[in-house]
Structures are given as structure tokens and as C-alpha cells.
Amino acid sequence: MQLDVFTLFPQWFDWFRTQRHVENAKRLGHTLDCVNYRDTTPLSGGQVDDTPFGGGAGMVLRVDVVEAALRARYGCDPVELRERRRVIVLTPGGRQLDDPLVDELAAEPEVTLLCGRYEGFDERIVEHFASDAISIGRYVLAGGELAAMVVADAVLRKLPGALGHVDSAHEESFSAALEGAPEYPHYTRPAEYRGWRIPDVLLSGHHRRIHDWRLEQSRERARAAASRDAAQRPAAGDRPED
């Protein structure tokens, strides 16, 4: 996979590149490169943003700045670029990142992540340059760099060999092996601590019973999460106070 991150802060990713699964992925021939918008901006003084039309606080990342960066990197019109590679803007209003989406991205040979900053992107970037808009949650960060690391981390660890063991990513939270449910609880030595004993089934040596117990634990966690979410949703007819 060729994974490119467009950002105003490429140095943020120096630490991320040192993580073992990222280094493993690079050794296997995958790449993670950062591109600084300021390096190719057509504006003077390294400017990359401007005030929003219509007024309001904050600054907006300019469409011409992003186009210049994409053209310099890929040598083509960004409108056409999204026809041959996934170009993703990271924004709170995008499609929620989940395990099926991570699997989808991990199957791609080329992925580009666009990090916003300040008040985000000029909407024309989203409309005309991006193939996808992705959110890591319904909250706002100061910029897209942390979101890009979340996406990159989730995707790179899915690549064969990145985790070192072929089964490491098989039975994980929200995986198909667990029917999309959260992962079951784990225990290690000592088997008893302060009177807290691990479930006997894990000491039985009976692999089928252990598998069935783990799957049921995952299902129970999914049911508990669904109940918790339902309890937090407003009742029909409720409305927030003004």
C-alpha cells in the first residue's frame, strides 16, 4: 500500500513511524509518506488558509492550496485523481470509521489522507477532490493529524505481516470472526489474585468450550452496549431545552 498524508505538521508522524507494526509494514514494502501543504502553496509567505466568506471565526484551508499540493505529488488534475486512488478528507461530518471500512481501505493499493486545520476545508475540496469523507467520531479536534494516525494505524495493522502473527488481527473487536461484536475479556497469570479467580473454562484445556465461551462473552458485551446506547438516546417526542 502507498499511504500518503497531506498535513501542515508532517513532524507529528515521526513518532508514529517508529511503532512496530508501522515499521513491519514498511519492511514489507508499504509506504507512509507525509506531504506539507506549505511546500507547494501558490500564496506568498507560506499562506495556506483564509477567512470564510459570510463571516465567522477561524480560518479555512484554501482549495487552490490543496490542488497545488495534490498536483505536485501526483502530476494530474485532482478531479481525476480520485478515479484511481482513494482520496479521503478527515472531517467530523464524514462516514464513521468502523471495522468494515478499515477492511475496505486496507484492500486499496493507494490511499491519500487530507488533514484539515483551523475551521476545516473549503467545501469544494470535499466536493471535487475527495472520493470519501471519514470521521473517527462525533467530536471536533484541532486538526486532522490525530484522525489520520487513527485511520493509518487501523489500516496498516490489517496488512498481512504487519502484526507479526497471522492470527493477531483475526479475533478482534468488531471483526467478522466475532460477528461484529466487541472482543471478549482476556486474563493472564496469576489465575487467582486477591480472591478474584478467572473463569474456570479458560483453565479447562477444552478449546471448543473456550471458543464458545469467548463468543458468548462478545455477544453479551454487544447486547450491553446496545442497551446502554438505547438508554442514552432521547425518548420519542423529547426535545432539548432551548
C-alpha atoms as a PDB file:
ATOM      1  CA  MET A   1       0.000   0.000   0.000  1.00  0.00           C
ATOM      2  CA  GLN A   2       1.080   3.559  -0.722  1.00  0.00           C
ATOM      3  CA  LEU A   3      -0.340   5.733   2.079  1.00  0.00           C
ATOM      4  CA  ASP A   4       0.123   9.498   1.785  1.00  0.00           C
ATOM      5  CA  VAL A   5      -0.838  12.053   4.429  1.00  0.00           C
ATOM      6  CA  PHE A   6      -1.214  15.726   3.480  1.00  0.00           C
ATOM      7  CA  THR A   7      -0.689  17.918   6.526  1.00  0.00           C
ATOM      8  CA  LEU A   8       0.695  21.170   7.887  1.00  0.00           C
ATOM      9  CA  PHE A   9       2.579  19.221  10.569  1.00  0.00           C
ATOM     10  CA  PRO A  10       4.474  16.295   8.993  1.00  0.00           C
ATOM     11  CA  GLN A  11       6.777  16.097  12.036  1.00  0.00           C
ATOM     12  CA  TRP A  12       3.853  14.816  14.088  1.00  0.00           C
ATOM     13  CA  PHE A  13       4.175  11.496  12.265  1.00  0.00           C
ATOM     14  CA  ASP A  14       7.840  10.903  13.177  1.00  0.00           C
ATOM     15  CA  TRP A  15       6.790   9.112  16.377  1.00  0.00           C
ATOM     16  CA  PHE A  16       4.037   7.195  14.600  1.00  0.00           C
ATOM     17  CA  ARG A  17       6.501   5.758  12.084  1.00  0.00           C
ATOM     18  CA  THR A  18       8.506   4.190  14.928  1.00  0.00           C
ATOM     19  CA  GLN A  19       5.633   1.942  16.030  1.00  0.00           C
ATOM     20  CA  ARG A  20       6.438  -1.716  15.472  1.00  0.00           C
ATOM     21  CA  HIS A  21       3.517  -2.593  13.202  1.00  0.00           C
ATOM     22  CA  VAL A  22       4.216   0.512  11.091  1.00  0.00           C
ATOM     23  CA  GLU A  23       7.879  -0.442  10.785  1.00  0.00           C
ATOM     24  CA  ASN A  24       6.846  -4.008   9.915  1.00  0.00           C
ATOM     25  CA  ALA A  25       4.547  -2.705   7.190  1.00  0.00           C
ATOM     26  CA  LYS A  26       7.333  -0.548   5.756  1.00  0.00           C
ATOM     27  CA  ARG A  27       9.727  -3.511   5.732  1.00  0.00           C
ATOM     28  CA  LEU A  28       7.127  -5.421   3.726  1.00  0.00           C
ATOM     29  CA  GLY A  29       7.197  -2.708   1.053  1.00  0.00           C
ATOM     30  CA  HIS A  30       4.314  -0.486   2.140  1.00  0.00           C
ATOM     31  CA  THR A  31       4.933   3.247   2.403  1.00  0.00           C
ATOM     32  CA  LEU A  32       3.762   6.057   4.669  1.00  0.00           C
ATOM     33  CA  ASP A  33       4.726   9.500   3.376  1.00  0.00           C
ATOM     34  CA  CYS A  34       3.785  12.976   4.587  1.00  0.00           C
ATOM     35  CA  VAL A  35       3.283  15.956   2.270  1.00  0.00           C
ATOM     36  CA  ASN A  36       3.338  19.506   3.634  1.00  0.00           C
ATOM     37  CA  TYR A  37       0.748  21.833   2.088  1.00  0.00           C
ATOM     38  CA  ARG A  38       3.109  24.773   2.632  1.00  0.00           C
ATOM     39  CA  ASP A  39       5.793  23.304   0.358  1.00  0.00           C
ATOM     40  CA  THR A  40       3.737  23.932  -2.781  1.00  0.00           C
ATOM     41  CA  THR A  41       1.326  26.713  -1.788  1.00  0.00           C
ATOM     42  CA  PRO A  42       0.816  29.273  -4.595  1.00  0.00           C
ATOM     43  CA  LEU A  43       0.439  32.010  -1.965  1.00  0.00           C
ATOM     44  CA  SER A  44       3.213  34.147  -0.575  1.00  0.00           C
ATOM     45  CA  GLY A  45       4.707  33.675   2.861  1.00  0.00           C
ATOM     46  CA  GLY A  46       3.615  30.038   3.075  1.00  0.00           C
ATOM     47  CA  GLN A  47      -0.045  31.008   3.466  1.00  0.00           C
ATOM     48  CA  VAL A  48      -2.486  28.103   3.184  1.00  0.00           C
ATOM     49  CA  ASP A  49      -5.781  29.447   4.599  1.00  0.00           C
ATOM     50  CA  ASP A  50      -8.101  32.431   4.501  1.00  0.00           C
ATOM     51  CA  THR A  51     -11.127  33.929   6.244  1.00  0.00           C
ATOM     52  CA  PRO A  52     -14.523  32.337   5.490  1.00  0.00           C
ATOM     53  CA  PHE A  53     -16.948  34.019   3.114  1.00  0.00           C
ATOM     54  CA  GLY A  54     -20.018  35.158   5.004  1.00  0.00           C
ATOM     55  CA  GLY A  55     -18.037  35.920   8.124  1.00  0.00           C
ATOM     56  CA  GLY A  56     -17.376  33.869  11.211  1.00  0.00           C
ATOM     57  CA  ALA A  57     -14.466  32.897  13.387  1.00  0.00           C
ATOM     58  CA  GLY A  58     -11.477  30.864  12.284  1.00  0.00           C
ATOM     59  CA  MET A  59      -9.653  30.236   9.037  1.00  0.00           C
ATOM     60  CA  VAL A  60     -10.407  27.841   6.171  1.00  0.00           C
ATOM     61  CA  LEU A  61      -7.915  25.708   4.206  1.00  0.00           C
ATOM     62  CA  ARG A  62      -7.958  27.027   0.627  1.00  0.00           C
ATOM     63  CA  VAL A  63      -8.949  24.951  -2.393  1.00  0.00           C
ATOM     64  CA  ASP A  64      -6.108  26.291  -4.564  1.00  0.00           C
ATOM     65  CA  VAL A  65      -3.550  25.334  -1.913  1.00  0.00           C
ATOM     66  CA  VAL A  66      -4.811  21.749  -1.733  1.00  0.00           C
ATOM     67  CA  GLU A  67      -4.972  21.489  -5.526  1.00  0.00           C
ATOM     68  CA  ALA A  68      -1.362  22.650  -5.834  1.00  0.00           C
ATOM     69  CA  ALA A  69      -0.214  20.060  -3.287  1.00  0.00           C
ATOM     70  CA  LEU A  70      -2.095  17.214  -4.986  1.00  0.00           C
ATOM     71  CA  ARG A  71      -0.893  18.224  -8.483  1.00  0.00           C
ATOM     72  CA  ALA A  72       2.722  18.406  -7.312  1.00  0.00           C
ATOM     73  CA  ARG A  73       2.515  14.975  -5.685  1.00  0.00           C
ATOM     74  CA  TYR A  74       0.616  13.074  -8.374  1.00  0.00           C
ATOM     75  CA  GLY A  75       1.091  15.082 -11.567  1.00  0.00           C
ATOM     76  CA  CYS A  76      -2.560  15.245 -12.540  1.00  0.00           C
ATOM     77  CA  ASP A  77      -5.772  17.186 -12.020  1.00  0.00           C
ATOM     78  CA  PRO A  78      -7.103  16.292  -8.526  1.00  0.00           C
ATOM     79  CA  VAL A  79     -10.581  15.959 -10.002  1.00  0.00           C
ATOM     80  CA  GLU A  80      -9.288  12.981 -11.996  1.00  0.00           C
ATOM     81  CA  LEU A  81      -7.045  11.662  -9.216  1.00  0.00           C
ATOM     82  CA  ARG A  82      -9.933  10.287  -7.164  1.00  0.00           C
ATOM     83  CA  GLU A  83     -10.824   7.982 -10.048  1.00  0.00           C
ATOM     84  CA  ARG A  84      -7.629   5.974  -9.491  1.00  0.00           C
ATOM     85  CA  ARG A  85      -6.955   6.225  -5.759  1.00  0.00           C
ATOM     86  CA  ARG A  86      -8.897   6.789  -2.539  1.00  0.00           C
ATOM     87  CA  VAL A  87      -8.580  10.441  -1.563  1.00  0.00           C
ATOM     88  CA  ILE A  88     -10.036  10.932   1.913  1.00  0.00           C
ATOM     89  CA  VAL A  89     -10.811  14.132   3.765  1.00  0.00           C
ATOM     90  CA  LEU A  90     -10.858  13.748   7.536  1.00  0.00           C
ATOM     91  CA  THR A  91     -13.832  15.650   8.892  1.00  0.00           C
ATOM     92  CA  PRO A  92     -16.283  15.216  11.801  1.00  0.00           C
ATOM     93  CA  GLY A  93     -19.213  15.088   9.390  1.00  0.00           C
ATOM     94  CA  GLY A  94     -17.833  12.194   7.327  1.00  0.00           C
ATOM     95  CA  ARG A  95     -18.662   8.495   7.281  1.00  0.00           C
ATOM     96  CA  GLN A  96     -17.970   6.974  10.677  1.00  0.00           C
ATOM     97  CA  LEU A  97     -14.822   4.848  10.742  1.00  0.00           C
ATOM     98  CA  ASP A  98     -15.570   1.216  11.635  1.00  0.00           C
ATOM     99  CA  ASP A  99     -14.007  -2.183  11.071  1.00  0.00           C
ATOM    100  CA  PRO A 100     -15.689  -2.886   7.697  1.00  0.00           C
ATOM    101  CA  LEU A 101     -14.472   0.481   6.401  1.00  0.00           C
ATOM    102  CA  VAL A 102     -10.956  -0.254   7.674  1.00  0.00           C
ATOM    103  CA  ASP A 103     -11.047  -3.603   5.820  1.00  0.00           C
ATOM    104  CA  GLU A 104     -12.170  -1.751   2.714  1.00  0.00           C
ATOM    105  CA  LEU A 105      -9.285   0.721   2.912  1.00  0.00           C
ATOM    106  CA  ALA A 106      -6.737  -1.985   3.739  1.00  0.00           C
ATOM    107  CA  ALA A 107      -7.580  -3.641   0.412  1.00  0.00           C
ATOM    108  CA  GLU A 108      -6.686  -0.474  -1.520  1.00  0.00           C
ATOM    109  CA  PRO A 109      -3.241  -0.161  -3.143  1.00  0.00           C
ATOM    110  CA  GLU A 110      -3.186   3.649  -2.825  1.00  0.00           C
ATOM    111  CA  VAL A 111      -4.778   5.881  -0.182  1.00  0.00           C
ATOM    112  CA  THR A 112      -4.447   9.620   0.428  1.00  0.00           C
ATOM    113  CA  LEU A 113      -5.490  11.261   3.714  1.00  0.00           C
ATOM    114  CA  LEU A 114      -6.125  15.010   3.731  1.00  0.00           C
ATOM    115  CA  CYS A 115      -5.772  16.667   7.140  1.00  0.00           C
ATOM    116  CA  GLY A 116      -7.705  19.845   7.760  1.00  0.00           C
ATOM    117  CA  ARG A 117      -6.857  22.548  10.274  1.00  0.00           C
ATOM    118  CA  TYR A 118      -8.495  25.577  11.833  1.00  0.00           C
ATOM    119  CA  GLU A 119     -12.144  25.658  10.605  1.00  0.00           C
ATOM    120  CA  GLY A 120     -11.512  22.826   8.151  1.00  0.00           C
ATOM    121  CA  PHE A 121     -11.662  22.604   4.370  1.00  0.00           C
ATOM    122  CA  ASP A 122     -13.132  24.811   1.702  1.00  0.00           C
ATOM    123  CA  GLU A 123     -16.106  22.632   0.775  1.00  0.00           C
ATOM    124  CA  ARG A 124     -15.001  22.494  -2.866  1.00  0.00           C
ATOM    125  CA  ILE A 125     -12.104  20.291  -1.748  1.00  0.00           C
ATOM    126  CA  VAL A 126     -14.588  17.788  -0.338  1.00  0.00           C
ATOM    127  CA  GLU A 127     -16.915  18.013  -3.332  1.00  0.00           C
ATOM    128  CA  HIS A 128     -14.400  17.856  -6.176  1.00  0.00           C
ATOM    129  CA  PHE A 129     -11.117  16.344  -4.957  1.00  0.00           C
ATOM    130  CA  ALA A 130     -12.157  13.730  -2.401  1.00  0.00           C
ATOM    131  CA  SER A 131     -13.559  10.265  -3.016  1.00  0.00           C
ATOM    132  CA  ASP A 132     -14.511   9.881   0.660  1.00  0.00           C
ATOM    133  CA  ALA A 133     -15.065  11.893   3.826  1.00  0.00           C
ATOM    134  CA  ILE A 134     -14.314   9.979   7.026  1.00  0.00           C
ATOM    135  CA  SER A 135     -14.853  10.783  10.711  1.00  0.00           C
ATOM    136  CA  ILE A 136     -13.277   8.991  13.671  1.00  0.00           C
ATOM    137  CA  GLY A 137     -16.087  10.181  15.950  1.00  0.00           C
ATOM    138  CA  ARG A 138     -18.730  12.791  16.545  1.00  0.00           C
ATOM    139  CA  TYR A 139     -16.423  15.338  18.148  1.00  0.00           C
ATOM    140  CA  VAL A 140     -14.036  18.023  16.954  1.00  0.00           C
ATOM    141  CA  LEU A 141     -10.226  18.023  17.080  1.00  0.00           C
ATOM    142  CA  ALA A 142      -7.883  20.936  16.407  1.00  0.00           C
ATOM    143  CA  GLY A 143      -6.833  19.278  13.164  1.00  0.00           C
ATOM    144  CA  GLY A 144      -6.875  16.093  11.143  1.00  0.00           C
ATOM    145  CA  GLU A 145      -3.452  14.779  12.130  1.00  0.00           C
ATOM    146  CA  LEU A 146      -4.614  12.650  15.058  1.00  0.00           C
ATOM    147  CA  ALA A 147      -7.511  11.371  12.960  1.00  0.00           C
ATOM    148  CA  ALA A 148      -5.064  10.475  10.177  1.00  0.00           C
ATOM    149  CA  MET A 149      -2.973   8.493  12.667  1.00  0.00           C
ATOM    150  CA  VAL A 150      -6.069   6.630  13.836  1.00  0.00           C
ATOM    151  CA  VAL A 151      -7.008   5.712  10.274  1.00  0.00           C
ATOM    152  CA  ALA A 152      -3.429   4.806   9.336  1.00  0.00           C
ATOM    153  CA  ASP A 153      -2.963   2.729  12.493  1.00  0.00           C
ATOM    154  CA  ALA A 154      -6.197   0.806  11.941  1.00  0.00           C
ATOM    155  CA  VAL A 155      -5.413   0.198   8.264  1.00  0.00           C
ATOM    156  CA  LEU A 156      -1.712  -0.676   8.495  1.00  0.00           C
ATOM    157  CA  ARG A 157      -2.219  -3.266  11.240  1.00  0.00           C
ATOM    158  CA  LYS A 158      -4.646  -5.061   8.906  1.00  0.00           C
ATOM    159  CA  LEU A 159      -1.946  -5.618   6.292  1.00  0.00           C
ATOM    160  CA  PRO A 160      -0.613  -9.198   6.253  1.00  0.00           C
ATOM    161  CA  GLY A 161       2.566  -9.455   8.310  1.00  0.00           C
ATOM    162  CA  ALA A 162       2.283  -6.046   9.980  1.00  0.00           C
ATOM    163  CA  LEU A 163       1.456  -7.544  13.394  1.00  0.00           C
ATOM    164  CA  GLY A 164       3.982 -10.347  13.090  1.00  0.00           C
ATOM    165  CA  HIS A 165       1.469 -13.133  13.843  1.00  0.00           C
ATOM    166  CA  VAL A 166      -1.081 -14.162  11.248  1.00  0.00           C
ATOM    167  CA  ASP A 167      -3.860 -14.608  13.836  1.00  0.00           C
ATOM    168  CA  SER A 168      -3.292 -11.362  15.755  1.00  0.00           C
ATOM    169  CA  ALA A 169      -5.964  -9.404  13.902  1.00  0.00           C
ATOM    170  CA  HIS A 170      -8.407 -12.300  13.391  1.00  0.00           C
ATOM    171  CA  GLU A 171     -10.500 -12.246  16.570  1.00  0.00           C
ATOM    172  CA  GLU A 172     -10.600  -8.555  17.393  1.00  0.00           C
ATOM    173  CA  SER A 173     -13.364  -6.217  18.443  1.00  0.00           C
ATOM    174  CA  PHE A 174     -15.929  -5.773  15.656  1.00  0.00           C
ATOM    175  CA  SER A 175     -14.291  -8.364  13.402  1.00  0.00           C
ATOM    176  CA  ALA A 176     -16.307 -10.809  11.322  1.00  0.00           C
ATOM    177  CA  ALA A 177     -14.972 -13.660  13.471  1.00  0.00           C
ATOM    178  CA  LEU A 178     -16.791 -12.112  16.444  1.00  0.00           C
ATOM    179  CA  GLU A 179     -19.907 -11.239  14.443  1.00  0.00           C
ATOM    180  CA  GLY A 180     -19.061  -7.547  14.683  1.00  0.00           C
ATOM    181  CA  ALA A 181     -19.207  -7.593  18.495  1.00  0.00           C
ATOM    182  CA  PRO A 182     -16.636  -6.199  20.958  1.00  0.00           C
ATOM    183  CA  GLU A 183     -13.807  -8.554  21.861  1.00  0.00           C
ATOM    184  CA  TYR A 184     -14.219 -10.953  24.795  1.00  0.00           C
ATOM    185  CA  PRO A 185     -12.338 -10.404  28.096  1.00  0.00           C
ATOM    186  CA  HIS A 186      -8.751 -11.590  28.481  1.00  0.00           C
ATOM    187  CA  TYR A 187      -6.934 -12.903  31.553  1.00  0.00           C
ATOM    188  CA  THR A 188      -3.346 -13.902  32.343  1.00  0.00           C
ATOM    189  CA  ARG A 189      -1.310 -15.108  35.352  1.00  0.00           C
ATOM    190  CA  PRO A 190      -1.906 -15.301  38.253  1.00  0.00           C
ATOM    191  CA  ALA A 191      -5.071 -17.358  37.885  1.00  0.00           C
ATOM    192  CA  GLU A 192      -6.249 -16.038  41.261  1.00  0.00           C
ATOM    193  CA  TYR A 193      -5.452 -12.644  42.732  1.00  0.00           C
ATOM    194  CA  ARG A 194      -6.970 -11.114  45.886  1.00  0.00           C
ATOM    195  CA  GLY A 195      -9.705 -13.728  45.645  1.00  0.00           C
ATOM    196  CA  TRP A 196     -10.517 -12.786  42.050  1.00  0.00           C
ATOM    197  CA  ARG A 197     -10.411 -16.028  40.071  1.00  0.00           C
ATOM    198  CA  ILE A 198     -10.509 -16.272  36.323  1.00  0.00           C
ATOM    199  CA  PRO A 199     -13.374 -18.264  34.723  1.00  0.00           C
ATOM    200  CA  ASP A 200     -12.777 -21.994  35.087  1.00  0.00           C
ATOM    201  CA  VAL A 201     -13.474 -22.658  31.416  1.00  0.00           C
ATOM    202  CA  LEU A 202     -10.206 -20.913  30.496  1.00  0.00           C
ATOM    203  CA  LEU A 203      -8.289 -23.499  32.529  1.00  0.00           C
ATOM    204  CA  SER A 204     -10.185 -26.468  31.099  1.00  0.00           C
ATOM    205  CA  GLY A 205      -7.988 -27.013  28.064  1.00  0.00           C
ATOM    206  CA  HIS A 206     -11.190 -27.667  26.070  1.00  0.00           C
ATOM    207  CA  HIS A 207     -10.712 -25.475  23.004  1.00  0.00           C
ATOM    208  CA  ARG A 208     -14.272 -25.731  21.748  1.00  0.00           C
ATOM    209  CA  ARG A 209     -15.768 -24.720  25.095  1.00  0.00           C
ATOM    210  CA  ILE A 210     -13.303 -21.851  25.360  1.00  0.00           C
ATOM    211  CA  HIS A 211     -14.230 -20.681  21.864  1.00  0.00           C
ATOM    212  CA  ASP A 212     -17.948 -20.851  22.642  1.00  0.00           C
ATOM    213  CA  TRP A 213     -17.468 -19.024  25.965  1.00  0.00           C
ATOM    214  CA  ARG A 214     -15.487 -16.251  24.299  1.00  0.00           C
ATOM    215  CA  LEU A 215     -18.056 -15.819  21.546  1.00  0.00           C
ATOM    216  CA  GLU A 216     -20.883 -15.613  24.077  1.00  0.00           C
ATOM    217  CA  GLN A 217     -18.929 -13.045  26.092  1.00  0.00           C
ATOM    218  CA  SER A 218     -18.560 -10.925  22.964  1.00  0.00           C
ATOM    219  CA  ARG A 219     -22.264 -11.223  22.231  1.00  0.00           C
ATOM    220  CA  GLU A 220     -23.087 -10.203  25.807  1.00  0.00           C
ATOM    221  CA  ARG A 221     -20.856  -7.157  25.504  1.00  0.00           C
ATOM    222  CA  ALA A 222     -22.651  -6.236  22.277  1.00  0.00           C
ATOM    223  CA  ARG A 223     -26.043  -6.589  23.979  1.00  0.00           C
ATOM    224  CA  ALA A 224     -24.875  -4.479  26.913  1.00  0.00           C
ATOM    225  CA  ALA A 225     -23.560  -1.789  24.576  1.00  0.00           C
ATOM    226  CA  ALA A 226     -26.837  -1.745  22.643  1.00  0.00           C
ATOM    227  CA  SER A 227     -28.827  -1.377  25.868  1.00  0.00           C
ATOM    228  CA  ARG A 228     -26.532   1.393  27.049  1.00  0.00           C
ATOM    229  CA  ASP A 229     -26.877   3.248  23.754  1.00  0.00           C
ATOM    230  CA  ALA A 230     -30.652   2.867  23.792  1.00  0.00           C
ATOM    231  CA  ALA A 231     -30.823   4.243  27.338  1.00  0.00           C
ATOM    232  CA  GLN A 232     -28.811   7.300  26.298  1.00  0.00           C
ATOM    233  CA  ARG A 233     -30.984   8.141  23.286  1.00  0.00           C
ATOM    234  CA  PRO A 234     -33.747  10.709  23.858  1.00  0.00           C
ATOM    235  CA  ALA A 235     -37.225   9.226  24.067  1.00  0.00           C
ATOM    236  CA  ALA A 236     -39.565   9.833  21.141  1.00  0.00           C
ATOM    237  CA  GLY A 237     -41.087  13.253  21.425  1.00  0.00           C
ATOM    238  CA  ASP A 238     -38.374  14.570  23.720  1.00  0.00           C
ATOM    239  CA  ARG A 239     -36.690  17.742  22.654  1.00  0.00           C
ATOM    240  CA  PRO A 240     -33.661  19.517  24.063  1.00  0.00           C
ATOM    241  CA  GLU A 241     -34.275  22.621  26.099  1.00  0.00           C
ATOM    242  CA  ASP A 242     -33.679  25.933  24.373  1.00  0.00           C
END
